[in-house]
Protein backbone atom coordinates (compact mmCIF):
# COMPACT_ATOMS: atom_id res chain seq x y z
CA UNK A 1 -35.66 45.85 39.36
CA UNK A 2 -37.26 46.78 36.10
CA UNK A 3 -34.19 45.46 34.19
CA UNK A 4 -34.46 42.15 36.11
CA UNK A 5 -38.04 41.86 35.15
CA UNK A 6 -37.34 42.31 31.60
CA UNK A 7 -34.46 39.64 31.61
CA UNK A 8 -37.02 37.25 33.34
CA UNK A 9 -39.49 37.75 30.84
CA UNK A 10 -37.15 37.44 27.80
CA UNK A 11 -36.09 34.02 29.27
CA UNK A 12 -39.31 32.66 30.23
CA UNK A 13 -41.81 34.04 27.60
CA UNK A 14 -40.65 31.94 24.62
CA UNK A 15 -41.27 28.85 26.57
CA UNK A 16 -44.61 29.90 27.54
CA UNK A 17 -45.66 29.86 24.11
CA UNK A 18 -44.39 26.35 23.04
CA UNK A 19 -46.79 23.50 23.34
CA UNK A 20 -43.95 21.28 24.42
CA UNK A 21 -40.24 20.89 24.50
CA UNK A 22 -37.93 17.86 24.37
CA UNK A 23 -38.06 17.41 28.12
CA UNK A 24 -41.85 16.68 27.75
CA UNK A 25 -40.98 13.34 26.28
CA UNK A 26 -39.32 10.39 28.07
CA UNK A 27 -38.28 6.98 26.81
CA UNK A 28 -38.52 3.71 28.62
CA UNK A 29 -36.09 2.14 28.86
CA UNK A 30 -33.57 5.05 28.46
CA UNK A 31 -31.80 2.64 25.70
CA UNK A 32 -33.06 -0.29 24.29
CA UNK A 33 -30.83 -3.54 24.47
CA UNK A 34 -32.47 -6.16 22.24
CA UNK A 35 -31.16 -9.51 20.92
CA UNK A 36 -30.67 -10.33 17.20
CA UNK A 37 -33.87 -11.19 15.16
CA UNK A 38 -36.30 -10.56 17.97
CA UNK A 39 -38.84 -7.99 18.91
CA UNK A 40 -39.18 -5.83 22.11
CA UNK A 41 -41.03 -2.57 22.82
CA UNK A 42 -39.97 1.06 23.67
CA UNK A 43 -42.42 3.15 25.48
CA UNK A 44 -42.89 6.83 24.85
CA UNK A 45 -44.21 8.90 27.69
CA UNK A 46 -45.53 12.47 27.04
CA UNK A 47 -45.61 14.57 30.28
CA UNK A 48 -46.11 17.95 28.44
CA UNK A 49 -49.22 20.34 28.65
CA UNK A 50 -52.38 18.98 26.75
CA UNK A 51 -53.21 20.50 23.52
CA UNK A 52 -56.52 20.35 21.46
CA UNK A 53 -54.53 20.11 18.39
CA UNK A 54 -53.62 16.76 16.64
CA UNK A 55 -50.15 15.42 17.54
CA UNK A 56 -48.72 13.08 15.16
CA UNK A 57 -45.45 10.92 15.39
CA UNK A 58 -43.32 9.56 12.68
CA UNK A 59 -40.70 7.04 13.54
CA UNK A 60 -37.67 5.99 11.39
CA UNK A 61 -34.54 4.01 11.87
CA UNK A 62 -30.93 5.30 10.72
CA UNK A 63 -29.70 1.69 10.16
CA UNK A 64 -33.05 -0.45 9.09
CA UNK A 65 -31.04 -3.57 9.02
CA UNK A 66 -30.09 -3.19 12.56
CA UNK A 67 -33.40 -2.29 13.98
CA UNK A 68 -36.70 -1.03 12.62
CA UNK A 69 -40.03 -0.02 14.27
CA UNK A 70 -42.90 -1.93 13.00
CA UNK A 71 -45.07 0.98 12.58
CA UNK A 72 -43.95 4.25 11.21
CA UNK A 73 -46.65 6.75 12.22
CA UNK A 74 -48.95 7.28 15.23
CA UNK A 75 -51.53 9.69 16.26
CA UNK A 76 -50.67 10.82 19.86
CA UNK A 77 -53.89 12.48 20.35
CA UNK A 78 -55.66 9.15 20.32
CA UNK A 79 -53.29 7.63 22.84
CA UNK A 80 -54.55 7.27 26.28
CA UNK A 81 -52.56 7.88 29.60
CA UNK A 82 -50.03 9.96 27.62
CA UNK A 83 -47.93 6.89 26.70
CA UNK A 84 -47.27 5.06 23.50
CA UNK A 85 -45.60 1.46 23.17
CA UNK A 86 -43.74 1.20 19.90
CA UNK A 87 -42.84 -2.42 18.76
CA UNK A 88 -39.16 -2.57 17.42
CA UNK A 89 -37.85 -5.47 15.33
CA UNK A 90 -34.18 -6.13 15.42
CA UNK A 91 -31.88 -7.39 12.47
CA UNK A 92 -28.30 -8.15 12.98
CA UNK A 93 -25.85 -6.91 15.57
CA UNK A 94 -24.97 -3.22 15.71
CA UNK A 95 -26.08 0.18 17.09
CA UNK A 96 -28.68 2.62 15.59
CA UNK A 97 -30.83 5.51 16.44
CA UNK A 98 -34.65 5.66 16.08
CA UNK A 99 -35.51 9.39 14.99
CA UNK A 100 -38.78 10.26 16.61
CA UNK A 101 -40.37 13.47 14.78
CA UNK A 102 -43.45 14.83 16.66
CA UNK A 103 -45.53 17.12 14.46
CA UNK A 104 -48.21 19.58 16.01
CA UNK A 105 -49.29 22.11 13.48
CA UNK A 106 -46.29 24.06 12.33
CA UNK A 107 -44.21 22.97 15.17
CA UNK A 108 -42.00 19.87 15.08
CA UNK A 109 -39.71 18.22 17.36
CA UNK A 110 -37.07 15.56 16.64
CA UNK A 111 -35.99 13.06 19.29
CA UNK A 112 -33.12 10.53 18.88
CA UNK A 113 -33.32 7.12 20.66
CA UNK A 114 -30.53 4.54 20.72
CA UNK A 115 -31.08 0.70 20.04
CA UNK A 116 -28.49 -1.65 20.74
CA UNK A 117 -28.61 -4.98 19.09
CA UNK A 118 -26.74 -7.81 20.55
CA UNK A 119 -25.91 -11.05 19.43
CA UNK A 120 -26.86 -14.39 21.52
CA UNK A 121 -23.82 -15.52 23.25
CA UNK A 122 -23.00 -19.35 23.17
CA UNK A 123 -21.17 -21.01 25.85
CA UNK A 124 -18.12 -21.18 23.66
CA UNK A 125 -18.05 -17.41 23.64
CA UNK A 126 -17.46 -17.35 27.50
CA UNK A 127 -14.83 -20.07 26.99
CA UNK A 128 -12.84 -17.79 24.64
CA UNK A 129 -12.70 -15.00 27.24
CA UNK A 130 -11.25 -17.43 29.71
CA UNK A 131 -8.47 -18.49 27.49
CA UNK A 132 -7.29 -14.92 26.22
CA UNK A 133 -5.03 -14.06 29.19
CA UNK A 134 -3.51 -17.50 29.52
CA UNK A 135 -2.92 -17.49 25.84
CA UNK A 136 -1.37 -14.19 25.72
CA UNK A 137 0.78 -15.13 28.86
CA UNK A 138 1.98 -18.43 27.49
CA UNK A 139 2.62 -17.02 23.98
CA UNK A 140 4.71 -14.11 25.59
CA UNK A 141 6.75 -16.53 27.59
CA UNK A 142 7.45 -18.76 24.57
CA UNK A 143 8.70 -15.66 22.68
CA UNK A 144 10.84 -14.48 25.45
CA UNK A 145 12.62 -18.00 25.53
CA UNK A 146 13.58 -17.57 21.78
CA UNK A 147 15.33 -14.12 22.64
CA UNK A 148 19.01 -14.21 23.13
CA UNK A 149 19.80 -11.56 25.81
CA UNK A 150 23.46 -10.92 24.39
CA UNK A 151 22.07 -10.19 21.10
CA UNK A 152 19.63 -7.83 22.68
CA UNK A 153 22.17 -6.10 24.54
CA UNK A 154 24.34 -5.88 21.27
CA UNK A 155 21.25 -4.19 19.42
CA UNK A 156 20.76 -1.72 22.16
CA UNK A 157 24.44 -0.43 22.20
CA UNK A 158 23.50 0.69 18.71
CA UNK A 159 19.86 1.70 19.47
CA UNK A 160 19.16 3.71 16.20
CA UNK A 161 16.80 1.04 14.70
CA UNK A 162 15.07 0.44 18.01
CA UNK A 163 14.53 4.33 18.46
CA UNK A 164 13.14 4.61 15.17
CA UNK A 165 10.74 1.80 15.59
CA UNK A 166 9.37 3.12 18.90
CA UNK A 167 8.98 6.48 17.06
CA UNK A 168 7.05 4.86 14.29
CA UNK A 169 5.01 2.50 16.36
CA UNK A 170 3.82 4.76 19.06
CA UNK A 171 3.79 8.25 17.54
CA UNK A 172 2.91 7.67 13.72
CA UNK A 173 0.73 4.51 14.00
CA UNK A 174 -1.64 6.01 16.61
CA UNK A 175 -1.73 9.17 14.59
CA UNK A 176 -2.34 7.42 11.24
CA UNK A 177 -5.30 5.62 13.04
CA UNK A 178 -6.70 8.61 14.21
CA UNK A 179 -6.39 10.16 10.66
CA UNK A 180 -8.12 7.25 9.05
CA UNK A 181 -10.83 7.27 11.50
CA UNK A 182 -11.65 10.90 10.74
CA UNK A 183 -11.16 10.55 7.19
CA UNK A 184 -13.76 7.78 6.84
CA UNK A 185 -16.00 9.30 9.46
CA UNK A 186 -16.07 6.07 11.31
CA UNK A 187 -18.52 5.36 14.08
CA UNK A 188 -17.25 5.49 17.63
CA UNK A 189 -17.06 1.88 18.20
CA UNK A 190 -14.99 1.20 14.90
CA UNK A 191 -12.94 4.23 15.66
CA UNK A 192 -11.64 2.87 19.14
CA UNK A 193 -11.14 -0.45 17.55
CA UNK A 194 -8.80 1.16 14.97
CA UNK A 195 -7.01 3.10 17.73
CA UNK A 196 -6.55 0.03 19.92
CA UNK A 197 -4.76 -1.82 17.00
CA UNK A 198 -2.80 1.39 16.07
CA UNK A 199 -1.61 1.73 19.61
CA UNK A 200 -0.56 -1.84 20.17
CA UNK A 201 3.04 -3.06 20.24
CA UNK A 202 4.77 -5.11 17.70
CA UNK A 203 3.34 -8.57 17.28
CA UNK A 204 4.93 -12.30 17.13
CA UNK A 205 4.08 -12.45 13.36
CA UNK A 206 6.84 -9.73 12.70
CA UNK A 207 9.68 -11.93 13.76
CA UNK A 208 8.39 -14.60 11.34
CA UNK A 209 7.99 -12.30 8.40
CA UNK A 210 11.58 -10.85 9.26
CA UNK A 211 13.04 -14.35 8.87
CA UNK A 212 11.47 -15.11 5.66
CA UNK A 213 12.36 -11.75 4.15
CA UNK A 214 15.97 -12.05 5.14
CA UNK A 215 15.91 -9.02 7.47
CA UNK A 216 17.60 -8.30 10.87
CA UNK A 217 16.08 -10.95 13.19
CA UNK A 218 17.91 -9.92 16.59
CA UNK A 219 16.85 -6.30 15.76
CA UNK A 220 13.33 -7.68 15.23
CA UNK A 221 13.04 -9.49 18.42
CA UNK A 222 14.58 -6.67 20.42
CA UNK A 223 11.99 -4.14 18.93
CA UNK A 224 9.02 -6.44 19.80
CA UNK A 225 10.44 -6.75 23.40
CA UNK A 226 10.80 -3.13 23.76
CA UNK A 227 7.54 -2.18 22.32
CA UNK A 228 5.72 -4.70 24.55
CA UNK A 229 7.21 -3.08 27.66
CA UNK A 230 6.37 0.46 26.59
CA UNK A 231 2.98 -0.53 25.60
CA UNK A 232 2.18 -0.54 29.44
CA UNK A 233 2.25 3.14 29.21
CA UNK A 234 1.98 4.19 25.75
CA UNK A 235 -1.11 2.15 24.73
CA UNK A 236 -3.41 4.01 27.29
CA UNK A 237 -1.72 7.24 26.62
CA UNK A 238 -2.46 7.15 22.95
CA UNK A 239 -6.14 6.22 23.47
CA UNK A 240 -6.51 9.21 26.04
CA UNK A 241 -4.97 11.56 23.68
CA UNK A 242 -6.87 10.68 20.19
CA UNK A 243 -9.91 9.36 22.18
CA UNK A 244 -10.90 12.71 23.27
CA UNK A 245 -11.76 13.52 19.73
CA UNK A 246 -14.62 10.87 19.64
CA UNK A 247 -17.54 10.30 21.94
CA UNK A 248 -16.07 7.57 23.98
CA UNK A 249 -18.04 8.50 27.09
CA UNK A 250 -20.62 6.08 26.13
CA UNK A 251 -18.02 3.25 25.84
CA UNK A 252 -16.17 4.44 29.06
CA UNK A 253 -12.60 3.00 28.05
CA UNK A 254 -11.26 1.28 31.08
CA UNK A 255 -7.55 2.36 31.11
CA UNK A 256 -7.01 0.29 34.46
CA UNK A 257 -8.07 -2.79 32.92
CA UNK A 258 -5.84 -2.34 29.89
CA UNK A 259 -2.79 -1.76 32.02
CA UNK A 260 -3.44 -4.52 34.40
CA UNK A 261 -3.98 -7.07 31.44
CA UNK A 262 -0.69 -5.77 30.01
CA UNK A 263 1.31 -6.34 33.14
CA UNK A 264 1.21 -10.24 33.23
CA UNK A 265 1.91 -10.39 29.37
CA UNK A 266 5.01 -8.16 29.85
CA UNK A 267 6.23 -10.04 32.90
CA UNK A 268 6.04 -13.47 31.14
CA UNK A 269 8.18 -12.17 28.13
CA UNK A 270 10.80 -10.90 30.66
CA UNK A 271 10.80 -14.24 32.50
CA UNK A 272 11.20 -16.11 29.22
CA UNK A 273 14.28 -13.85 28.40
CA UNK A 274 15.76 -14.26 31.64
CA UNK A 275 15.42 -18.11 31.72
CA UNK A 276 17.02 -18.15 28.24
CA UNK A 277 20.16 -15.95 29.49
CA UNK A 278 20.39 -17.73 32.87
CA UNK A 279 19.51 -21.48 31.97
CA UNK A 280 19.66 -21.92 28.25
CA UNK A 281 19.44 -25.68 28.40
CA UNK A 282 16.25 -25.43 30.51
CA UNK A 283 15.06 -22.80 28.17
CA UNK A 284 15.40 -25.27 25.26
CA UNK A 285 13.51 -27.90 27.13
CA UNK A 286 10.88 -25.43 27.90
CA UNK A 287 10.53 -24.28 24.27
CA UNK A 288 10.02 -27.82 23.24
CA UNK A 289 7.36 -28.46 25.70
CA UNK A 290 5.52 -25.05 25.40
CA UNK A 291 5.49 -24.67 21.67
CA UNK A 292 2.79 -27.41 21.29
CA UNK A 293 0.77 -25.82 23.91
CA UNK A 294 1.32 -22.52 22.26
CA UNK A 295 0.21 -23.90 18.98
CA UNK A 296 -2.80 -25.38 20.53
CA UNK A 297 -3.70 -22.05 22.00
CA UNK A 298 -3.30 -20.21 18.64
CA UNK A 299 -5.56 -23.00 16.95
CA UNK A 300 -8.20 -22.69 19.63
CA UNK A 301 -8.17 -18.81 19.58
CA UNK A 302 -8.51 -18.86 15.77
CA UNK A 303 -11.40 -21.53 15.70
CA UNK A 304 -13.24 -20.16 18.49
CA UNK A 305 -12.76 -16.58 17.32
CA UNK A 306 -14.33 -17.54 14.00
CA UNK A 307 -17.08 -19.45 15.51
CA UNK A 308 -18.28 -16.48 17.71
CA UNK A 309 -17.43 -13.65 15.56
CA UNK A 310 -19.08 -14.54 12.18
CA UNK A 311 -20.68 -11.09 12.72
CA UNK A 312 -17.76 -9.24 11.18
CA UNK A 313 -19.47 -9.87 7.77
CA UNK A 314 -21.95 -6.95 8.68
CA UNK A 315 -18.87 -4.48 9.08
CA UNK A 316 -19.41 -1.46 6.79
CA UNK A 317 -17.08 -0.72 4.04
CA UNK A 318 -15.49 2.33 5.65
CA UNK A 319 -13.70 0.40 8.47
CA UNK A 320 -12.68 -2.48 6.16
CA UNK A 321 -10.75 0.03 4.07
CA UNK A 322 -9.18 1.77 7.06
CA UNK A 323 -8.20 -1.71 8.33
CA UNK A 324 -6.42 -2.37 5.06
CA UNK A 325 -4.57 1.02 4.65
CA UNK A 326 -3.35 0.87 8.39
CA UNK A 327 -0.84 -1.75 7.97
CA UNK A 328 -0.11 -1.07 4.47
CA UNK A 329 0.78 2.67 5.35
CA UNK A 330 2.67 1.28 8.55
CA UNK A 331 5.16 -0.71 6.28
CA UNK A 332 5.69 2.27 4.07
CA UNK A 333 6.05 4.82 6.82
CA UNK A 334 8.61 2.30 8.66
CA UNK A 335 10.71 1.91 5.83
CA UNK A 336 10.79 5.48 4.51
CA UNK A 337 11.63 6.77 8.04
CA UNK A 338 14.37 4.24 8.47
CA UNK A 339 16.04 5.22 5.09
CA UNK A 340 15.55 8.97 5.97
CA UNK A 341 17.60 8.40 9.16
CA UNK A 342 20.29 6.36 7.14
CA UNK A 343 19.54 2.79 8.14
CA UNK A 344 20.66 0.17 5.60
CA UNK A 345 18.31 -1.84 3.66
CA UNK A 346 18.11 -4.84 5.88
CA UNK A 347 17.39 -3.02 9.24
CA UNK A 348 15.16 -0.56 7.21
CA UNK A 349 13.09 -3.72 6.39
CA UNK A 350 13.00 -4.83 9.82
CA UNK A 351 11.67 -1.30 10.92
CA UNK A 352 9.06 -1.62 8.21
CA UNK A 353 7.82 -4.98 9.24
CA UNK A 354 7.68 -4.06 13.13
CA UNK A 355 5.77 -0.88 12.16
CA UNK A 356 3.27 -2.54 9.70
CA UNK A 357 2.73 -5.74 12.03
CA UNK A 358 1.11 -4.85 15.47
CA UNK A 359 -0.15 -7.06 18.06
CA UNK A 360 -3.87 -7.49 17.14
CA UNK A 361 -4.32 -10.39 19.34
CA UNK A 362 -3.43 -8.24 22.34
CA UNK A 363 -5.81 -5.31 20.98
CA UNK A 364 -8.68 -8.04 20.58
CA UNK A 365 -8.04 -9.26 24.13
CA UNK A 366 -8.26 -5.67 25.44
CA UNK A 367 -11.33 -5.02 23.59
CA UNK A 368 -13.14 -8.16 24.66
CA UNK A 369 -12.23 -7.94 28.26
CA UNK A 370 -12.58 -4.15 28.90
CA UNK A 371 -15.60 -3.03 26.82
CA UNK A 372 -19.36 -3.60 27.33
CA UNK A 373 -21.63 -5.12 24.67
CA UNK A 374 -22.25 -4.85 21.65
CA UNK A 375 -19.42 -2.30 21.58
CA UNK A 376 -16.83 -5.07 22.29
CA UNK A 377 -18.10 -7.18 19.45
CA UNK A 378 -18.12 -4.38 16.94
CA UNK A 379 -14.63 -3.09 17.86
CA UNK A 380 -13.38 -6.59 17.82
CA UNK A 381 -14.30 -6.84 14.05
CA UNK A 382 -11.71 -4.14 13.37
CA UNK A 383 -8.99 -5.81 15.07
CA UNK A 384 -9.78 -9.21 13.49
CA UNK A 385 -9.81 -7.96 10.01
CA UNK A 386 -6.70 -5.86 10.54
CA UNK A 387 -4.88 -9.11 11.56
CA UNK A 388 -6.04 -10.63 8.44
CA UNK A 389 -4.81 -7.78 6.37
CA UNK A 390 -1.56 -8.02 8.30
CA UNK A 391 -1.11 -11.68 7.44
CA UNK A 392 -2.21 -11.12 3.81
CA UNK A 393 0.14 -8.29 3.13
CA UNK A 394 3.03 -10.35 4.83
CA UNK A 395 2.55 -13.30 2.82
CA UNK A 396 2.50 -11.21 -0.41
CA UNK A 397 5.65 -9.47 0.61
CA UNK A 398 7.24 -12.94 1.10
CA UNK A 399 6.04 -14.17 -2.40
CA UNK A 400 7.29 -11.13 -4.10
CA UNK A 401 10.64 -11.27 -2.46
CA UNK A 402 11.12 -14.92 -3.24
CA UNK A 403 10.18 -14.42 -6.90
CA UNK A 404 12.70 -11.61 -6.97
CA UNK A 405 15.40 -13.86 -5.49
CA UNK A 406 14.72 -16.54 -8.19
CA UNK A 407 15.21 -14.00 -10.81
CA UNK A 408 18.35 -12.47 -9.58
CA UNK A 409 20.34 -15.54 -8.42
CA UNK A 410 23.62 -13.88 -9.48
CA UNK A 411 23.46 -11.50 -6.53
CA UNK A 412 23.08 -14.31 -4.19
CA UNK A 413 26.06 -16.17 -5.67
CA UNK A 414 28.24 -13.20 -5.57
CA UNK A 415 27.32 -12.54 -1.73
CA UNK A 416 28.14 -16.21 -0.85
CA UNK A 417 31.44 -16.29 -2.82
CA UNK A 418 32.61 -12.99 -1.29
CA UNK A 419 31.83 -14.41 2.20
CA UNK A 420 33.61 -17.56 1.56
CA UNK A 421 36.75 -15.65 0.43
CA UNK A 422 36.69 -13.39 3.52
CA UNK A 423 36.80 -16.53 5.72
CA UNK A 424 40.58 -17.37 5.49
CA UNK A 425 41.96 -18.07 1.99
CA UNK A 426 45.37 -19.47 3.07
CA UNK A 427 43.76 -22.16 5.19
CA UNK A 428 41.24 -22.92 2.58
CA UNK A 429 44.29 -23.33 0.05
CA UNK A 430 45.94 -25.65 2.45
CA UNK A 431 42.93 -27.80 2.94
CA UNK A 432 42.21 -28.11 -0.70
CA UNK A 433 46.17 -29.08 -1.38
CA UNK A 434 46.21 -31.63 1.28
CA UNK A 435 42.76 -33.01 0.03
CA UNK A 436 44.31 -33.03 -3.66
CA UNK A 437 47.31 -34.89 -2.22
CA UNK A 438 45.15 -37.57 -0.60
CA UNK A 439 43.14 -38.14 -3.72
CA UNK A 440 45.83 -39.89 -5.77
CA UNK A 441 49.16 -40.52 -3.84
CA UNK A 442 50.39 -42.93 -6.44
CA UNK A 443 50.27 -40.27 -9.11
CA UNK A 444 52.35 -37.89 -6.70
CA UNK A 445 54.94 -40.60 -6.19
CA UNK A 446 55.41 -40.91 -9.93
CA UNK A 447 55.80 -37.22 -10.38
CA UNK A 448 58.60 -37.16 -7.55
CA UNK A 449 60.27 -40.12 -9.14
CA UNK A 450 60.32 -38.51 -12.66
CA UNK A 451 61.64 -35.38 -11.03
CA UNK A 452 64.54 -37.12 -9.38
CA UNK A 453 65.26 -39.01 -12.56
CA UNK A 454 65.53 -35.66 -14.43
CA UNK A 455 67.83 -34.43 -11.76
CA UNK A 456 70.29 -37.54 -12.03
CA UNK A 457 70.24 -37.14 -15.82
CA UNK A 458 71.20 -33.56 -15.71
CA UNK A 459 74.17 -34.38 -13.35
CA UNK A 460 75.51 -36.99 -15.77
CA UNK A 461 75.32 -34.58 -18.59
CA UNK A 462 77.06 -31.94 -16.72
CA UNK A 463 79.98 -34.65 -15.76
CA UNK A 464 80.35 -35.40 -19.46
CA UNK A 465 81.04 -32.07 -20.44
CA UNK A 466 83.64 -31.53 -17.80
CA UNK A 467 85.46 -34.67 -18.91
């Protein structure tokens, strides 16, 4: 009994000498949500024991450009009803914390209070949400109608390139996004945006880059299709594995929403491939009709995206650098891994492109549809900038490759000559001979006549000799 009494005293005596604890203070509201460039109040409630000593309060902001208290210091002793209303002025979109330092004599308590600054949402912003899924579905169906199923089967019979692509896309890229997030100490909203992009399947831009860089187009299209299907499980899995290292509880990643959004995109792509395989003529007509629609969707997506997401200019430098390094490292990792596993240069280029170019539009759609505000807007900036860097690096690669081809024309000519020689040299010679004979028949007749005349002359000479 005595031991129990001592234990109770050890637990409760220190608290008896404290004037107040963190639980003595309450905020209303618990989190302040405020629009850009506006003002609102947060109320600090003190419910602790009364004290005759003076209690002073200092308030500061971790990011003053996002939100800032209008006044920096207060005397809580002079406040009536143990409550204090503190005006807060917001700046641009973002999330910051207000640090409340309560001083009473030698004691001090630090309280953190979260302020979320949201942007005013114009009607066009809601329109963008409504066209996201239709855009992705139409685009996926259009891409599917361009895929030749026999070529896919041919590639899958030798699945080395596809397997290497899956390994690099769903193992190395999410891991790289996680490493970059930790290396640059990204805030949670930026880290989850980078992980979303790093966990995404290959994008349609990869097929375009593959064409212009003279890589293996059937392999590229097959890898894009396979990665889109696998993303149904791999994308949520990657977020679950690496997201545990971040404080994503505040964001509450909706895995079910991500999966249900991926299902119609995957089904649309499969239906496009089946249409091309079963009814190629209808697929050609569908492609002619759907390409302008898909182009309009792309234009609308880009224009509306730029109109409603100008806040990306407020993104800190750390996520911007990580956004640049992610696709660049993806190109290098994909090519290096393919060469290590003995793929030729053409297929290694394809794996490199598929690894570095990921479906940023899909990641953007998942972020906008799944996350609350302002987290969705801030995470969207990461996927938006990443897409810009993917296109920029791809265009630079095309420019360098074409300059190389212009400076080395002999290599291309040798390839063309060898290919022509391998076709059928006998048939080619016969064609040339027949063409030459048709060019000038009179000349040929004269040659034959001359030869016949020579033969007759030789016969006459031999007869004279005999006689």
